[in-house]
């Protein structure tokens, strides 16, 4: 996914994700699991 979005590795993807969404991917995913009762 990182390459598709123009990144080179996980660090680039994480930085870009955080800039766009406001939280790192792992925290975002934990929030989704909480929202659906997981």
Protein backbone atom coordinates (compact mmCIF):
# COMPACT_ATOMS: atom_id res chain seq x y z
CA UNK A 1 0.00 0.00 0.00
CA UNK A 2 2.85 2.40 0.76
CA UNK A 3 4.14 2.23 -2.82
CA UNK A 4 0.66 2.73 -4.27
CA UNK A 5 0.27 5.88 -2.16
CA UNK A 6 3.66 7.20 -3.27
CA UNK A 7 5.72 6.12 -0.27
CA UNK A 8 8.80 4.00 -0.13
CA UNK A 9 8.38 2.08 3.08
CA UNK A 10 6.32 1.76 6.25
CA UNK A 11 7.85 4.86 7.80
CA UNK A 12 6.71 7.02 4.87
CA UNK A 13 3.24 5.51 4.95
CA UNK A 14 2.95 6.05 8.71
CA UNK A 15 4.09 9.67 8.47
CA UNK A 16 1.72 10.45 5.61
CA UNK A 17 -1.17 8.65 7.29
CA UNK A 18 -0.61 10.58 10.51
CA UNK A 19 -0.43 13.87 8.61
CA UNK A 20 -3.69 13.14 6.80
CA UNK A 21 -5.72 11.52 9.58
CA UNK A 22 -4.15 12.98 12.71
CA UNK A 23 -3.19 9.74 14.44
CA UNK A 24 -0.83 6.87 13.58
CA UNK A 25 -2.34 3.87 11.76
CA UNK A 26 -2.17 1.57 14.81
CA UNK A 27 -4.09 4.01 17.00
CA UNK A 28 -6.63 4.55 14.23
CA UNK A 29 -7.12 0.78 13.88
CA UNK A 30 -7.56 0.37 17.65
CA UNK A 31 -10.23 3.06 17.52
CA UNK A 32 -12.05 1.22 14.76
CA UNK A 33 -12.01 -1.99 16.78
CA UNK A 34 -13.45 -0.13 19.77
CA UNK A 35 -16.17 1.44 17.63
CA UNK A 36 -17.37 -1.95 16.34
CA UNK A 37 -17.14 -3.66 19.69
CA UNK A 38 -13.99 -5.66 18.95
